[in-house]
N, C-alpha and C. Protein backbone atom coordinates (compact mmCIF):
# COMPACT_ATOMS: atom_id res chain seq x y z
N LEU A 1 34.76 114.66 177.64
CA LEU A 1 33.69 114.98 176.70
C LEU A 1 34.07 116.27 175.99
N ASN A 2 34.46 116.17 174.71
CA ASN A 2 34.98 117.33 173.99
C ASN A 2 33.96 117.98 173.07
N SER A 3 32.82 117.34 172.86
CA SER A 3 31.83 117.91 171.96
C SER A 3 30.99 118.95 172.68
N ALA A 4 30.13 119.65 171.93
CA ALA A 4 29.27 120.68 172.50
C ALA A 4 27.93 120.08 172.89
N ILE A 5 27.38 120.57 174.00
CA ILE A 5 26.04 120.18 174.44
C ILE A 5 25.13 121.38 174.23
N THR A 6 24.13 121.23 173.39
CA THR A 6 23.27 122.35 173.03
C THR A 6 21.81 121.95 173.12
N ASP A 7 20.93 122.93 173.07
CA ASP A 7 19.50 122.66 172.94
C ASP A 7 19.18 122.29 171.50
N PRO A 8 18.15 121.48 171.25
CA PRO A 8 17.78 121.15 169.87
C PRO A 8 17.39 122.41 169.10
N PRO A 9 17.73 122.50 167.82
CA PRO A 9 17.33 123.65 167.01
C PRO A 9 15.81 123.80 167.00
N GLY A 10 15.34 125.01 167.15
CA GLY A 10 13.91 125.27 167.09
C GLY A 10 13.14 124.84 168.31
N LEU A 11 13.83 124.62 169.45
CA LEU A 11 13.16 124.18 170.66
C LEU A 11 12.12 125.21 171.08
N THR A 12 10.87 124.76 171.31
CA THR A 12 9.81 125.66 171.75
C THR A 12 9.34 125.35 173.17
N GLY A 13 9.57 124.16 173.67
CA GLY A 13 9.18 123.80 175.03
C GLY A 13 10.33 124.00 175.99
N ALA A 14 10.18 123.41 177.17
CA ALA A 14 11.22 123.51 178.19
C ALA A 14 12.44 122.70 177.78
N PRO A 15 13.64 123.21 178.02
CA PRO A 15 14.85 122.44 177.69
C PRO A 15 14.98 121.22 178.58
N GLY A 16 15.74 120.23 178.13
CA GLY A 16 15.94 119.00 178.89
C GLY A 16 16.94 119.18 180.01
N PHE A 17 17.31 118.06 180.63
CA PHE A 17 18.26 118.12 181.72
C PHE A 17 19.30 117.01 181.55
N LEU A 18 20.46 117.22 182.20
CA LEU A 18 21.55 116.27 182.16
C LEU A 18 21.78 115.71 183.55
N ASN A 19 21.88 114.39 183.67
CA ASN A 19 22.32 113.73 184.90
C ASN A 19 23.77 113.31 184.70
N LEU A 20 24.66 113.87 185.48
CA LEU A 20 26.09 113.66 185.30
C LEU A 20 26.62 112.82 186.45
N ARG A 21 27.21 111.66 186.10
CA ARG A 21 27.74 110.75 187.10
C ARG A 21 29.15 110.31 186.69
N ALA A 22 30.10 110.48 187.59
CA ALA A 22 31.47 110.01 187.37
C ALA A 22 31.74 108.88 188.34
N TYR A 23 31.65 107.65 187.85
CA TYR A 23 31.79 106.48 188.71
C TYR A 23 33.24 106.09 188.94
N SER A 24 34.15 106.60 188.10
CA SER A 24 35.57 106.27 188.21
C SER A 24 36.22 107.08 189.31
N ILE A 25 37.45 106.68 189.69
CA ILE A 25 38.23 107.50 190.62
C ILE A 25 38.73 108.76 189.93
N TYR A 26 38.61 108.80 188.59
CA TYR A 26 39.02 109.97 187.83
C TYR A 26 37.80 110.84 187.53
N PRO A 27 38.01 112.16 187.36
CA PRO A 27 36.86 113.03 187.09
C PRO A 27 36.33 112.87 185.68
N LEU A 28 35.06 113.18 185.50
CA LEU A 28 34.48 113.37 184.19
C LEU A 28 34.82 114.78 183.77
N ARG A 29 35.47 114.93 182.61
CA ARG A 29 35.96 116.26 182.20
C ARG A 29 35.21 116.77 180.99
N PHE A 30 34.77 118.03 181.08
CA PHE A 30 34.28 118.76 179.92
C PHE A 30 35.49 119.50 179.35
N GLY A 31 36.04 119.00 178.23
CA GLY A 31 37.21 119.62 177.63
C GLY A 31 36.98 120.01 176.19
N GLY A 32 38.04 120.31 175.47
CA GLY A 32 37.94 120.68 174.07
C GLY A 32 37.39 122.08 173.90
N SER A 33 37.09 122.43 172.64
CA SER A 33 36.64 123.78 172.31
C SER A 33 35.17 123.84 171.93
N GLY A 34 34.44 122.73 172.14
CA GLY A 34 33.00 122.75 171.88
C GLY A 34 32.28 123.52 172.97
N ASN A 35 31.46 124.49 172.56
CA ASN A 35 30.81 125.38 173.52
C ASN A 35 29.49 124.78 173.99
N ASN A 36 29.35 124.55 175.29
CA ASN A 36 28.12 124.01 175.84
C ASN A 36 27.14 125.15 176.11
N THR A 37 26.08 125.23 175.33
CA THR A 37 25.11 126.32 175.45
C THR A 37 23.76 125.83 175.98
N HIS A 38 23.70 124.60 176.43
CA HIS A 38 22.48 124.00 176.96
C HIS A 38 21.86 124.90 178.03
N THR A 39 20.56 125.18 177.92
CA THR A 39 19.90 126.10 178.84
C THR A 39 19.12 125.40 179.94
N GLY A 40 19.10 124.08 179.93
CA GLY A 40 18.35 123.33 180.93
C GLY A 40 19.14 123.10 182.21
N THR A 41 18.68 122.11 182.98
CA THR A 41 19.27 121.81 184.28
C THR A 41 20.37 120.76 184.16
N ASN A 42 21.43 120.94 184.91
CA ASN A 42 22.56 120.01 184.95
C ASN A 42 22.72 119.52 186.38
N TRP A 43 22.51 118.23 186.59
CA TRP A 43 22.62 117.64 187.93
C TRP A 43 23.93 116.86 188.04
N ILE A 44 24.81 117.26 188.92
CA ILE A 44 26.01 116.47 189.22
C ILE A 44 25.65 115.58 190.39
N LEU A 45 25.49 114.28 190.11
CA LEU A 45 24.91 113.36 191.07
C LEU A 45 25.92 112.46 191.75
N ASP A 46 27.04 112.18 191.08
CA ASP A 46 28.07 111.30 191.64
C ASP A 46 29.44 111.76 191.19
N GLY A 47 30.43 111.62 192.07
CA GLY A 47 31.82 111.83 191.69
C GLY A 47 32.20 113.27 191.48
N MET A 48 33.12 113.47 190.53
CA MET A 48 33.73 114.77 190.29
C MET A 48 33.60 115.14 188.82
N LEU A 49 33.17 116.37 188.56
CA LEU A 49 33.13 116.88 187.19
C LEU A 49 34.15 118.00 187.09
N GLU A 50 35.00 117.93 186.06
CA GLU A 50 36.09 118.88 185.88
C GLU A 50 35.85 119.71 184.63
N MET A 51 36.07 121.03 184.74
CA MET A 51 35.86 121.94 183.62
C MET A 51 37.21 122.36 183.03
N GLY A 52 37.40 122.02 181.75
CA GLY A 52 38.66 122.35 181.09
C GLY A 52 38.45 122.77 179.66
N LYS A 53 37.41 123.55 179.39
CA LYS A 53 37.14 124.03 178.04
C LYS A 53 38.20 125.04 177.61
N THR A 54 38.49 125.06 176.32
CA THR A 54 39.52 125.93 175.78
C THR A 54 38.94 126.84 174.70
N GLY A 55 39.72 127.86 174.31
CA GLY A 55 39.33 128.73 173.21
C GLY A 55 38.11 129.58 173.49
N GLY A 56 37.86 129.90 174.76
CA GLY A 56 36.71 130.71 175.11
C GLY A 56 35.41 129.95 175.23
N ALA A 57 35.44 128.63 175.00
CA ALA A 57 34.23 127.82 175.14
C ALA A 57 33.87 127.66 176.61
N GLN A 58 32.61 127.36 176.88
CA GLN A 58 32.14 127.21 178.24
C GLN A 58 31.65 125.80 178.50
N ALA A 59 31.84 125.35 179.75
CA ALA A 59 31.41 124.01 180.14
C ALA A 59 29.92 123.96 180.45
N PHE A 60 29.37 125.09 180.92
CA PHE A 60 27.94 125.15 181.25
C PHE A 60 27.33 126.41 180.67
N GLY A 61 26.12 126.25 180.11
CA GLY A 61 25.38 127.37 179.58
C GLY A 61 24.64 128.13 180.67
N PRO A 62 23.61 128.91 180.29
CA PRO A 62 22.94 129.80 181.25
C PRO A 62 21.83 129.13 182.07
N GLY A 63 21.85 127.82 182.19
CA GLY A 63 20.81 127.12 182.94
C GLY A 63 21.16 126.96 184.41
N PHE A 64 20.58 125.93 185.03
CA PHE A 64 20.76 125.62 186.44
C PHE A 64 21.81 124.52 186.58
N VAL A 65 22.79 124.73 187.45
CA VAL A 65 23.86 123.74 187.69
C VAL A 65 23.82 123.36 189.15
N SER A 66 23.55 122.08 189.44
CA SER A 66 23.46 121.61 190.80
C SER A 66 24.63 120.70 191.13
N VAL A 67 25.41 121.09 192.15
CA VAL A 67 26.51 120.28 192.65
C VAL A 67 26.00 119.56 193.89
N GLY A 68 25.66 118.27 193.73
CA GLY A 68 24.98 117.54 194.78
C GLY A 68 25.86 117.25 195.99
N ILE A 69 25.22 116.88 197.08
CA ILE A 69 25.94 116.52 198.30
C ILE A 69 26.91 115.37 198.01
N GLY A 70 28.15 115.53 198.43
CA GLY A 70 29.16 114.49 198.22
C GLY A 70 29.83 114.53 196.87
N THR A 71 29.47 115.48 196.00
CA THR A 71 30.08 115.59 194.68
C THR A 71 30.94 116.84 194.61
N THR A 72 31.74 116.92 193.54
CA THR A 72 32.65 118.05 193.36
C THR A 72 32.57 118.56 191.93
N LEU A 73 32.50 119.88 191.79
CA LEU A 73 32.69 120.57 190.52
C LEU A 73 33.97 121.36 190.65
N GLN A 74 34.91 121.14 189.71
CA GLN A 74 36.18 121.85 189.81
C GLN A 74 36.68 122.30 188.45
N HIS A 75 37.49 123.36 188.47
CA HIS A 75 38.23 123.78 187.28
C HIS A 75 39.45 122.88 187.14
N GLN A 76 39.86 122.62 185.90
CA GLN A 76 41.03 121.77 185.69
C GLN A 76 42.26 122.39 186.33
N SER A 77 42.37 123.71 186.24
CA SER A 77 43.42 124.47 186.93
C SER A 77 43.01 125.94 186.85
N GLY A 78 43.83 126.81 187.45
CA GLY A 78 43.53 128.22 187.44
C GLY A 78 43.57 128.86 186.06
N VAL A 79 44.15 128.17 185.09
CA VAL A 79 44.23 128.70 183.72
C VAL A 79 42.85 128.69 183.06
N PHE A 80 42.00 127.76 183.48
CA PHE A 80 40.71 127.56 182.82
C PHE A 80 39.66 128.47 183.48
N ILE A 81 39.66 129.73 183.04
CA ILE A 81 38.78 130.74 183.61
C ILE A 81 37.45 130.78 182.87
N GLU A 82 36.45 131.37 183.52
CA GLU A 82 35.14 131.64 182.93
C GLU A 82 34.59 130.42 182.18
N GLN A 83 34.49 129.32 182.88
CA GLN A 83 33.97 128.07 182.33
C GLN A 83 32.45 127.97 182.41
N ILE A 84 31.83 128.85 183.18
CA ILE A 84 30.39 128.82 183.40
C ILE A 84 29.80 130.10 182.84
N ASN A 85 28.66 130.00 182.17
CA ASN A 85 27.99 131.18 181.64
C ASN A 85 27.66 132.17 182.76
N ASP A 86 27.79 133.46 182.48
CA ASP A 86 27.59 134.48 183.49
C ASP A 86 26.18 134.49 184.08
N LEU A 87 25.20 133.92 183.36
CA LEU A 87 23.82 133.92 183.83
C LEU A 87 23.42 132.60 184.49
N ALA A 88 24.34 131.66 184.59
CA ALA A 88 24.02 130.35 185.16
C ALA A 88 23.67 130.48 186.64
N MET A 89 22.74 129.63 187.07
CA MET A 89 22.34 129.55 188.48
C MET A 89 23.07 128.37 189.11
N LEU A 90 24.03 128.65 189.98
CA LEU A 90 24.88 127.62 190.56
C LEU A 90 24.42 127.27 191.97
N GLN A 91 24.07 126.01 192.17
CA GLN A 91 23.65 125.51 193.47
C GLN A 91 24.72 124.56 193.99
N VAL A 92 25.40 124.95 195.07
CA VAL A 92 26.51 124.17 195.60
C VAL A 92 26.10 123.55 196.94
N ASP A 93 25.79 122.27 196.92
CA ASP A 93 25.54 121.53 198.14
C ASP A 93 26.66 120.53 198.42
N GLY A 94 27.54 120.34 197.45
CA GLY A 94 28.76 119.58 197.60
C GLY A 94 29.94 120.54 197.69
N THR A 95 30.91 120.39 196.78
CA THR A 95 32.11 121.23 196.77
C THR A 95 32.32 121.83 195.39
N TYR A 96 32.55 123.13 195.34
CA TYR A 96 32.94 123.81 194.11
C TYR A 96 34.34 124.34 194.32
N ASP A 97 35.31 123.83 193.54
CA ASP A 97 36.73 124.17 193.68
C ASP A 97 37.20 124.95 192.46
N LEU A 98 37.49 126.23 192.66
CA LEU A 98 37.91 127.08 191.53
C LEU A 98 39.36 126.80 191.12
N LYS A 99 40.14 126.17 191.97
CA LYS A 99 41.56 125.89 191.67
C LYS A 99 42.33 127.15 191.31
N GLY A 100 41.91 128.30 191.84
CA GLY A 100 42.58 129.55 191.54
C GLY A 100 42.08 130.26 190.31
N ALA A 101 41.04 129.77 189.68
CA ALA A 101 40.50 130.39 188.47
C ALA A 101 39.60 131.58 188.82
N PHE A 102 39.30 132.40 187.81
CA PHE A 102 38.33 133.47 187.93
C PHE A 102 37.04 133.00 187.26
N GLU A 103 35.90 133.21 187.93
CA GLU A 103 34.62 132.74 187.41
C GLU A 103 33.52 133.72 187.77
N THR A 104 32.49 133.80 186.90
CA THR A 104 31.32 134.64 187.13
C THR A 104 30.07 133.79 186.96
N VAL A 105 29.13 133.91 187.91
CA VAL A 105 27.87 133.17 187.82
C VAL A 105 26.71 134.12 188.08
N GLY A 106 25.52 133.69 187.63
CA GLY A 106 24.35 134.53 187.81
C GLY A 106 23.84 134.54 189.22
N THR A 107 23.83 133.36 189.87
CA THR A 107 23.42 133.24 191.27
C THR A 107 24.28 132.18 191.95
N LEU A 108 24.31 132.23 193.28
CA LEU A 108 25.01 131.23 194.07
C LEU A 108 24.10 130.83 195.23
N GLY A 109 23.75 129.53 195.29
CA GLY A 109 22.92 129.02 196.37
C GLY A 109 23.50 127.74 196.92
N GLY A 110 22.81 127.17 197.92
CA GLY A 110 23.24 125.91 198.49
C GLY A 110 23.88 126.08 199.85
N SER A 111 24.32 124.95 200.41
CA SER A 111 24.91 124.94 201.75
C SER A 111 26.23 124.17 201.78
N GLY A 112 26.90 124.09 200.63
CA GLY A 112 28.16 123.36 200.53
C GLY A 112 29.37 124.24 200.72
N SER A 113 30.47 123.85 200.05
CA SER A 113 31.76 124.53 200.20
C SER A 113 32.24 125.11 198.88
N VAL A 114 32.66 126.36 198.90
CA VAL A 114 33.31 126.99 197.76
C VAL A 114 34.77 127.21 198.11
N LEU A 115 35.67 126.59 197.34
CA LEU A 115 37.11 126.71 197.55
C LEU A 115 37.67 127.64 196.48
N LEU A 116 38.03 128.84 196.88
CA LEU A 116 38.52 129.83 195.91
C LEU A 116 39.95 129.55 195.47
N GLY A 117 40.76 128.96 196.33
CA GLY A 117 42.19 128.95 196.05
C GLY A 117 42.66 130.40 195.99
N THR A 118 43.39 130.75 194.95
CA THR A 118 43.83 132.13 194.75
C THR A 118 42.92 132.87 193.76
N GLY A 119 41.78 132.27 193.43
CA GLY A 119 40.93 132.81 192.39
C GLY A 119 39.93 133.84 192.89
N GLN A 120 38.96 134.12 192.00
CA GLN A 120 37.92 135.10 192.30
C GLN A 120 36.59 134.59 191.77
N LEU A 121 35.57 134.63 192.62
CA LEU A 121 34.22 134.27 192.21
C LEU A 121 33.36 135.52 192.23
N SER A 122 32.78 135.86 191.06
CA SER A 122 31.88 136.99 190.93
C SER A 122 30.46 136.47 190.83
N VAL A 123 29.55 137.06 191.59
CA VAL A 123 28.18 136.57 191.70
C VAL A 123 27.18 137.70 191.51
N GLY A 124 26.09 137.42 190.76
CA GLY A 124 24.99 138.37 190.75
C GLY A 124 24.51 138.88 189.42
N MET A 125 24.90 138.24 188.31
CA MET A 125 24.53 138.75 186.99
C MET A 125 23.10 138.38 186.58
N ARG A 126 22.38 137.60 187.42
CA ARG A 126 21.04 137.16 187.02
C ARG A 126 19.94 137.66 187.97
N THR A 127 20.01 137.26 189.22
CA THR A 127 18.97 137.64 190.18
C THR A 127 19.51 137.47 191.59
N ASN A 128 18.65 137.65 192.59
CA ASN A 128 19.07 137.56 193.99
C ASN A 128 19.41 136.12 194.35
N SER A 129 20.32 135.95 195.32
CA SER A 129 20.67 134.61 195.78
C SER A 129 21.08 134.63 197.23
N ILE A 130 20.96 133.46 197.87
CA ILE A 130 21.34 133.27 199.27
C ILE A 130 22.26 132.06 199.34
N PHE A 131 23.44 132.24 199.93
CA PHE A 131 24.38 131.13 200.08
C PHE A 131 24.54 130.81 201.55
N ASP A 132 24.18 129.56 201.91
CA ASP A 132 24.24 129.09 203.28
C ASP A 132 25.48 128.25 203.55
N GLY A 133 26.41 128.21 202.61
CA GLY A 133 27.61 127.41 202.76
C GLY A 133 28.79 128.23 203.25
N ILE A 134 29.99 127.68 203.05
CA ILE A 134 31.22 128.30 203.54
C ILE A 134 32.18 128.53 202.38
N ILE A 135 32.75 129.72 202.32
CA ILE A 135 33.72 130.11 201.30
C ILE A 135 35.09 130.21 201.94
N SER A 136 36.08 129.54 201.35
CA SER A 136 37.43 129.54 201.92
C SER A 136 38.46 129.75 200.82
N GLY A 137 39.72 129.92 201.23
CA GLY A 137 40.82 130.13 200.29
C GLY A 137 41.44 131.50 200.47
N THR A 138 42.45 131.78 199.66
CA THR A 138 43.13 133.07 199.72
C THR A 138 42.61 134.03 198.66
N GLY A 139 41.61 133.62 197.93
CA GLY A 139 41.06 134.43 196.85
C GLY A 139 40.02 135.42 197.33
N ARG A 140 39.23 135.93 196.35
CA ARG A 140 38.34 137.05 196.59
C ARG A 140 36.93 136.73 196.12
N LEU A 141 35.94 137.27 196.84
CA LEU A 141 34.54 137.22 196.43
C LEU A 141 34.16 138.59 195.89
N ARG A 142 33.48 138.59 194.74
CA ARG A 142 33.09 139.86 194.11
C ARG A 142 31.60 139.86 193.84
N LYS A 143 30.91 140.89 194.30
CA LYS A 143 29.48 141.05 194.03
C LYS A 143 29.32 141.97 192.83
N VAL A 144 28.62 141.46 191.81
CA VAL A 144 28.36 142.22 190.58
C VAL A 144 26.86 142.20 190.32
N GLY A 145 26.44 142.95 189.32
CA GLY A 145 25.05 142.93 188.92
C GLY A 145 24.21 143.98 189.64
N ASP A 146 23.99 145.12 189.00
CA ASP A 146 23.15 146.16 189.59
C ASP A 146 21.74 145.63 189.78
N GLY A 147 21.15 145.92 190.94
CA GLY A 147 19.77 145.52 191.20
C GLY A 147 19.62 144.11 191.75
N THR A 148 20.71 143.39 191.98
CA THR A 148 20.63 142.05 192.55
C THR A 148 21.33 142.03 193.90
N SER A 149 21.01 141.01 194.70
CA SER A 149 21.64 140.88 196.01
C SER A 149 22.20 139.48 196.20
N LEU A 150 23.24 139.40 197.01
CA LEU A 150 23.81 138.13 197.47
C LEU A 150 23.83 138.17 198.98
N THR A 151 23.21 137.17 199.60
CA THR A 151 23.17 137.08 201.06
C THR A 151 24.07 135.94 201.52
N LEU A 152 24.97 136.24 202.47
CA LEU A 152 25.84 135.25 203.09
C LEU A 152 25.35 135.01 204.51
N THR A 153 25.10 133.74 204.86
CA THR A 153 24.52 133.45 206.18
C THR A 153 25.48 132.77 207.13
N ARG A 154 26.69 132.43 206.68
CA ARG A 154 27.63 131.69 207.52
C ARG A 154 28.90 132.49 207.72
N SER A 155 29.71 132.05 208.67
CA SER A 155 31.04 132.59 208.86
C SER A 155 31.96 132.00 207.78
N ASN A 156 32.69 132.87 207.09
CA ASN A 156 33.57 132.44 206.01
C ASN A 156 35.02 132.73 206.36
N SER A 157 35.93 131.99 205.72
CA SER A 157 37.34 132.10 206.10
C SER A 157 38.24 132.58 204.97
N PHE A 158 37.68 132.98 203.83
CA PHE A 158 38.55 133.42 202.74
C PHE A 158 39.25 134.72 203.13
N THR A 159 40.48 134.89 202.62
CA THR A 159 41.34 135.98 203.10
C THR A 159 41.59 137.07 202.07
N GLY A 160 41.13 136.88 200.84
CA GLY A 160 41.44 137.84 199.77
C GLY A 160 40.54 139.04 199.71
N GLY A 161 39.51 139.08 200.54
CA GLY A 161 38.63 140.23 200.60
C GLY A 161 37.38 140.06 199.76
N ALA A 162 36.45 140.99 199.97
CA ALA A 162 35.20 141.03 199.23
C ALA A 162 35.08 142.38 198.55
N VAL A 163 34.63 142.37 197.30
CA VAL A 163 34.48 143.60 196.51
C VAL A 163 33.04 143.70 196.06
N ILE A 164 32.40 144.82 196.33
CA ILE A 164 31.03 145.05 195.89
C ILE A 164 31.07 146.08 194.77
N ASP A 165 30.95 145.60 193.53
CA ASP A 165 31.00 146.47 192.36
C ASP A 165 29.62 146.76 191.80
N GLY A 166 28.59 146.07 192.30
CA GLY A 166 27.24 146.29 191.82
C GLY A 166 26.25 145.57 192.69
N GLY A 167 25.09 146.19 192.93
CA GLY A 167 24.08 145.55 193.74
C GLY A 167 24.41 145.54 195.21
N ARG A 168 23.83 144.58 195.93
CA ARG A 168 23.90 144.56 197.39
C ARG A 168 24.49 143.25 197.89
N LEU A 169 25.40 143.35 198.85
CA LEU A 169 25.89 142.21 199.60
C LEU A 169 25.33 142.30 201.01
N LEU A 170 24.52 141.30 201.38
CA LEU A 170 23.96 141.24 202.72
C LEU A 170 24.73 140.20 203.53
N VAL A 171 25.21 140.61 204.69
CA VAL A 171 25.98 139.75 205.57
C VAL A 171 25.09 139.43 206.77
N ASN A 172 24.59 138.20 206.84
CA ASN A 172 23.63 137.82 207.87
C ASN A 172 24.11 136.65 208.73
N ASN A 173 25.42 136.52 208.88
CA ASN A 173 25.96 135.47 209.74
C ASN A 173 25.74 135.81 211.20
N THR A 174 25.83 134.81 212.08
CA THR A 174 25.63 135.03 213.51
C THR A 174 26.92 134.91 214.32
N ASN A 175 27.99 134.44 213.70
CA ASN A 175 29.28 134.37 214.40
C ASN A 175 30.39 134.46 213.37
N GLY A 176 31.62 134.68 213.87
CA GLY A 176 32.75 134.80 212.95
C GLY A 176 32.63 136.03 212.08
N SER A 177 33.08 135.90 210.84
CA SER A 177 33.05 137.01 209.90
C SER A 177 32.42 136.56 208.58
N GLY A 178 31.33 137.18 208.20
CA GLY A 178 30.64 136.78 206.97
C GLY A 178 31.45 137.01 205.72
N THR A 179 32.38 137.96 205.75
CA THR A 179 33.18 138.30 204.58
C THR A 179 34.62 137.83 204.72
N GLY A 180 34.88 136.87 205.58
CA GLY A 180 36.24 136.40 205.76
C GLY A 180 37.07 137.42 206.52
N THR A 181 38.37 137.38 206.32
CA THR A 181 39.28 138.21 207.12
C THR A 181 39.97 139.30 206.32
N GLY A 182 39.66 139.42 205.04
CA GLY A 182 40.30 140.44 204.21
C GLY A 182 39.57 141.77 204.24
N ASN A 183 40.04 142.70 203.44
CA ASN A 183 39.36 143.98 203.27
C ASN A 183 38.01 143.78 202.59
N VAL A 184 37.11 144.72 202.83
CA VAL A 184 35.84 144.76 202.12
C VAL A 184 35.75 146.11 201.43
N TRP A 185 35.65 146.08 200.09
CA TRP A 185 35.56 147.31 199.30
C TRP A 185 34.12 147.50 198.84
N VAL A 186 33.51 148.62 199.21
CA VAL A 186 32.17 148.96 198.75
C VAL A 186 32.33 150.07 197.70
N ASN A 187 32.28 149.70 196.44
CA ASN A 187 32.57 150.63 195.36
C ASN A 187 31.30 151.33 194.86
N ASN A 188 31.47 152.23 193.91
CA ASN A 188 30.36 153.00 193.36
C ASN A 188 29.25 152.06 192.90
N ALA A 189 28.01 152.34 193.32
CA ALA A 189 26.81 151.55 193.01
C ALA A 189 26.72 150.28 193.84
N GLY A 190 27.64 150.07 194.76
CA GLY A 190 27.59 148.90 195.63
C GLY A 190 26.99 149.25 196.99
N VAL A 191 26.33 148.25 197.61
CA VAL A 191 25.72 148.43 198.92
C VAL A 191 26.14 147.26 199.81
N LEU A 192 26.60 147.56 201.00
CA LEU A 192 26.90 146.55 202.01
C LEU A 192 25.91 146.71 203.16
N SER A 193 25.15 145.66 203.45
CA SER A 193 24.16 145.74 204.53
C SER A 193 23.99 144.37 205.15
N GLY A 194 23.01 144.23 206.02
CA GLY A 194 22.76 142.97 206.69
C GLY A 194 22.77 143.11 208.20
N THR A 195 22.49 142.02 208.87
CA THR A 195 22.41 142.02 210.33
C THR A 195 23.53 141.19 210.96
N GLY A 196 24.52 140.81 210.18
CA GLY A 196 25.58 139.93 210.65
C GLY A 196 26.83 140.65 211.09
N ARG A 197 27.95 139.92 211.06
CA ARG A 197 29.22 140.40 211.59
C ARG A 197 30.29 140.38 210.50
N ILE A 198 31.10 141.45 210.48
CA ILE A 198 32.27 141.54 209.62
C ILE A 198 33.46 141.80 210.53
N VAL A 199 34.43 140.86 210.50
CA VAL A 199 35.58 140.96 211.41
C VAL A 199 36.86 140.80 210.58
N PRO A 200 37.33 141.87 209.95
CA PRO A 200 38.58 141.77 209.20
C PRO A 200 39.77 141.48 210.11
N ALA A 201 40.80 140.88 209.56
CA ALA A 201 42.03 140.65 210.31
C ALA A 201 42.70 141.98 210.60
N ALA A 202 43.62 141.97 211.54
CA ALA A 202 44.36 143.19 211.90
C ALA A 202 44.99 143.80 210.65
N GLY A 203 44.80 145.08 210.48
CA GLY A 203 45.34 145.79 209.33
C GLY A 203 44.39 145.89 208.17
N ASN A 204 43.27 145.14 208.21
CA ASN A 204 42.26 145.22 207.16
C ASN A 204 41.04 145.97 207.67
N SER A 205 40.16 146.38 206.74
CA SER A 205 39.03 147.20 207.14
C SER A 205 37.94 147.16 206.07
N VAL A 206 36.84 147.87 206.35
CA VAL A 206 35.79 148.09 205.36
C VAL A 206 36.04 149.45 204.72
N ILE A 207 36.16 149.48 203.40
CA ILE A 207 36.51 150.69 202.67
C ILE A 207 35.33 151.06 201.78
N VAL A 208 34.72 152.21 202.04
CA VAL A 208 33.58 152.69 201.26
C VAL A 208 34.06 153.82 200.35
N THR A 209 34.05 153.58 199.05
CA THR A 209 34.50 154.58 198.10
C THR A 209 33.35 155.50 197.71
N ASN A 210 33.66 156.55 196.97
CA ASN A 210 32.66 157.52 196.55
C ASN A 210 31.56 156.83 195.74
N GLY A 211 30.31 156.95 196.19
CA GLY A 211 29.20 156.31 195.50
C GLY A 211 28.79 154.99 196.10
N GLY A 212 29.60 154.45 197.01
CA GLY A 212 29.24 153.23 197.71
C GLY A 212 28.38 153.53 198.92
N THR A 213 27.66 152.51 199.40
CA THR A 213 26.75 152.71 200.53
C THR A 213 26.97 151.64 201.59
N LEU A 214 27.15 152.09 202.82
CA LEU A 214 27.23 151.18 203.97
C LEU A 214 25.99 151.42 204.80
N GLY A 215 25.13 150.37 204.93
CA GLY A 215 23.88 150.53 205.65
C GLY A 215 23.53 149.29 206.43
N PRO A 216 23.97 149.19 207.69
CA PRO A 216 23.63 148.02 208.50
C PRO A 216 22.12 147.84 208.60
N GLY A 217 21.69 146.59 208.59
CA GLY A 217 20.27 146.29 208.63
C GLY A 217 19.83 145.58 207.37
N THR A 218 18.76 144.83 207.44
CA THR A 218 18.32 143.98 206.34
C THR A 218 18.00 144.77 205.08
N ASN A 219 17.29 145.89 205.23
CA ASN A 219 16.83 146.65 204.07
C ASN A 219 17.50 147.99 203.95
N ALA A 220 18.63 148.14 204.61
CA ALA A 220 19.30 149.44 204.59
C ALA A 220 19.88 149.74 203.23
N GLY A 221 20.04 151.01 202.95
CA GLY A 221 20.70 151.44 201.71
C GLY A 221 19.73 151.75 200.63
């Protein structure tokens, strides 16, 4: 699908929604340079949807994107970065595969799987979110957005580390390591808190830079 998906001109009511189904063994691909600015809800209900927009165009606008159970949302490859609007609310109950790409979303929710590959997922440009799923890969998780929080409730296995550049990262897992096995950087204006466990691999650690805050506990910091 190479054309742009937009809201009708002059829309005054609630935006519509898209039901996306890929019945073939091949993915449904959002490609080309048409910019999808649709602000409504996007439901991925069957199969795999692949994002391969070019020329700075985006596959999803600032609305709600739901990756249903048993479905996959993936980047065409690591070259196809920033395919989702920074304010989009991403709900992953299936699988989200970055394929090594860099991406920024407004929120991250759901209980599915995020596969970073060698990429980086930045979360927090819209509002608070809670992710009950599992993040894996050799890439990195980045918390952005002053005044917002991201809560991780499960043990994660990604190895590229976590970076808190804005807002709060709450680690509320009960076993394993909520931030994977890499370093955790708490940078200026960032807060690391929660009631869970952080267990970096040997040689890695939690690094709090000038202006960062480390405050164990739900409301610390």
